[in-house]
Amino acid sequence: MIENFGCKLYCMKKPDYIFTNGNDREFEFYFRKPHKTHNADGLCLNPDVYDQPKVYVDPHLPPKRKLQVVIEEVTHAFFWDKTEKDVRKFSRVLADILTK
């Protein structure tokens, strides 16, 4: 459980998807808005810090924005060392290509 979220029920939901990144780290993926303290549409928890890293994406986003955020957060899971700027640019470009 992620203690700094302050709600024991926050992480009790069954993941919507489970995947393994290129370093064989398993991530739980949730269509759930990240905790309000993050002020974000999506969140990827650092796999170097958490035993069970998780990805959260707000399910109430408009479809194209939701696609961008899914791409962005899953990209973080695979390429944690990339900058936020690079990952956001990549996610926007890929979402544009996929929605054309």
Protein backbone atom coordinates (compact mmCIF):
# COMPACT_ATOMS: atom_id res chain seq x y z
CA MET A 1 0.00 0.00 0.00
CA ILE A 2 1.19 3.52 -0.73
CA GLU A 3 1.19 5.22 2.61
CA ASN A 4 1.55 8.83 1.49
CA PHE A 5 -1.82 8.72 -0.26
CA GLY A 6 -3.46 8.66 3.16
CA CYS A 7 -6.33 6.35 2.21
CA LYS A 8 -6.04 2.64 2.83
CA LEU A 9 -8.69 1.89 0.20
CA TYR A 10 -6.88 3.78 -2.54
CA CYS A 11 -4.81 0.81 -3.69
CA MET A 12 -7.22 -1.97 -2.81
CA LYS A 13 -8.90 -2.07 -6.24
CA LYS A 14 -7.90 -4.87 -8.59
CA PRO A 15 -5.56 -3.56 -11.33
CA ASP A 16 -7.11 -2.98 -14.75
CA TYR A 17 -3.97 -4.39 -16.34
CA ILE A 18 -0.61 -5.79 -15.27
CA PHE A 19 2.50 -5.52 -17.43
CA THR A 20 6.23 -6.08 -17.18
CA ASN A 21 8.73 -3.52 -18.44
CA GLY A 22 12.05 -4.17 -20.19
CA ASN A 23 13.81 -4.69 -16.84
CA ASP A 24 11.30 -7.39 -15.81
CA ARG A 25 9.63 -5.09 -13.28
CA GLU A 26 5.93 -5.76 -12.92
CA PHE A 27 3.62 -2.73 -12.93
CA GLU A 28 -0.03 -2.59 -11.94
CA PHE A 29 -2.07 -0.29 -14.20
CA TYR A 30 -5.20 1.44 -12.89
CA PHE A 31 -7.73 3.64 -14.64
CA ARG A 32 -8.05 5.80 -11.54
CA LYS A 33 -7.32 9.47 -10.99
CA PRO A 34 -4.00 10.00 -9.20
CA HIS A 35 -4.31 11.33 -5.66
CA LYS A 36 -5.09 15.06 -5.55
CA THR A 37 -1.70 15.84 -3.98
CA HIS A 38 -0.10 15.06 -7.36
CA ASN A 39 -2.31 17.45 -9.40
CA ALA A 40 -1.84 15.20 -12.45
CA ASP A 41 -3.85 13.36 -15.11
CA GLY A 42 -1.56 10.37 -14.76
CA LEU A 43 1.20 9.04 -12.56
CA CYS A 44 3.87 6.37 -12.82
CA LEU A 45 5.42 5.41 -9.50
CA ASN A 46 9.19 5.12 -9.54
CA PRO A 47 10.20 1.46 -9.92
CA ASP A 48 13.44 2.18 -8.05
CA VAL A 49 11.49 3.29 -4.97
CA TYR A 50 8.37 1.08 -4.83
CA ASP A 51 8.35 -2.71 -4.47
CA GLN A 52 5.18 -2.86 -6.58
CA PRO A 53 5.22 0.13 -8.95
CA LYS A 54 1.88 1.35 -10.23
CA VAL A 55 0.54 3.50 -13.05
CA TYR A 56 -2.58 5.61 -12.61
CA VAL A 57 -4.55 7.33 -15.38
CA ASP A 58 -7.65 9.45 -14.83
CA PRO A 59 -10.50 7.56 -16.57
CA HIS A 60 -12.57 10.73 -17.01
CA LEU A 61 -10.25 12.47 -19.45
CA PRO A 62 -11.35 13.20 -23.02
CA PRO A 63 -10.43 10.26 -25.29
CA LYS A 64 -7.39 11.79 -27.01
CA ARG A 65 -5.98 13.19 -23.76
CA LYS A 66 -6.53 9.82 -22.09
CA LEU A 67 -4.57 8.14 -24.89
CA GLN A 68 -1.74 10.65 -24.49
CA VAL A 69 -1.58 10.08 -20.74
CA VAL A 70 -1.65 6.27 -21.08
CA ILE A 71 1.24 6.46 -23.57
CA GLU A 72 3.13 8.90 -21.35
CA GLU A 73 2.83 6.91 -18.14
CA VAL A 74 3.58 3.53 -19.72
CA THR A 75 6.59 5.11 -21.44
CA HIS A 76 7.80 6.25 -18.02
CA ALA A 77 7.47 2.67 -16.79
CA PHE A 78 9.70 1.40 -19.59
CA PHE A 79 12.12 4.33 -19.79
CA TRP A 80 12.27 5.82 -16.30
CA ASP A 81 15.50 7.71 -17.10
CA LYS A 82 13.93 9.81 -19.89
CA THR A 83 12.98 13.40 -19.09
CA GLU A 84 9.38 14.46 -18.63
CA LYS A 85 9.80 16.76 -21.63
CA ASP A 86 10.93 13.91 -23.91
CA VAL A 87 8.19 11.55 -22.71
CA ARG A 88 5.45 14.16 -23.16
CA LYS A 89 6.64 15.01 -26.67
CA PHE A 90 6.74 11.31 -27.58
CA SER A 91 3.25 10.69 -26.17
CA ARG A 92 1.76 13.63 -28.06
CA VAL A 93 3.31 12.57 -31.36
CA LEU A 94 2.28 8.92 -30.98
CA ALA A 95 -1.27 9.84 -29.93
CA ASP A 96 -1.54 12.15 -32.97
CA ILE A 97 -0.39 9.36 -35.30
CA LEU A 98 -2.77 6.83 -33.75
CA THR A 99 -5.79 9.13 -33.98
CA LYS A 100 -5.29 10.22 -37.60
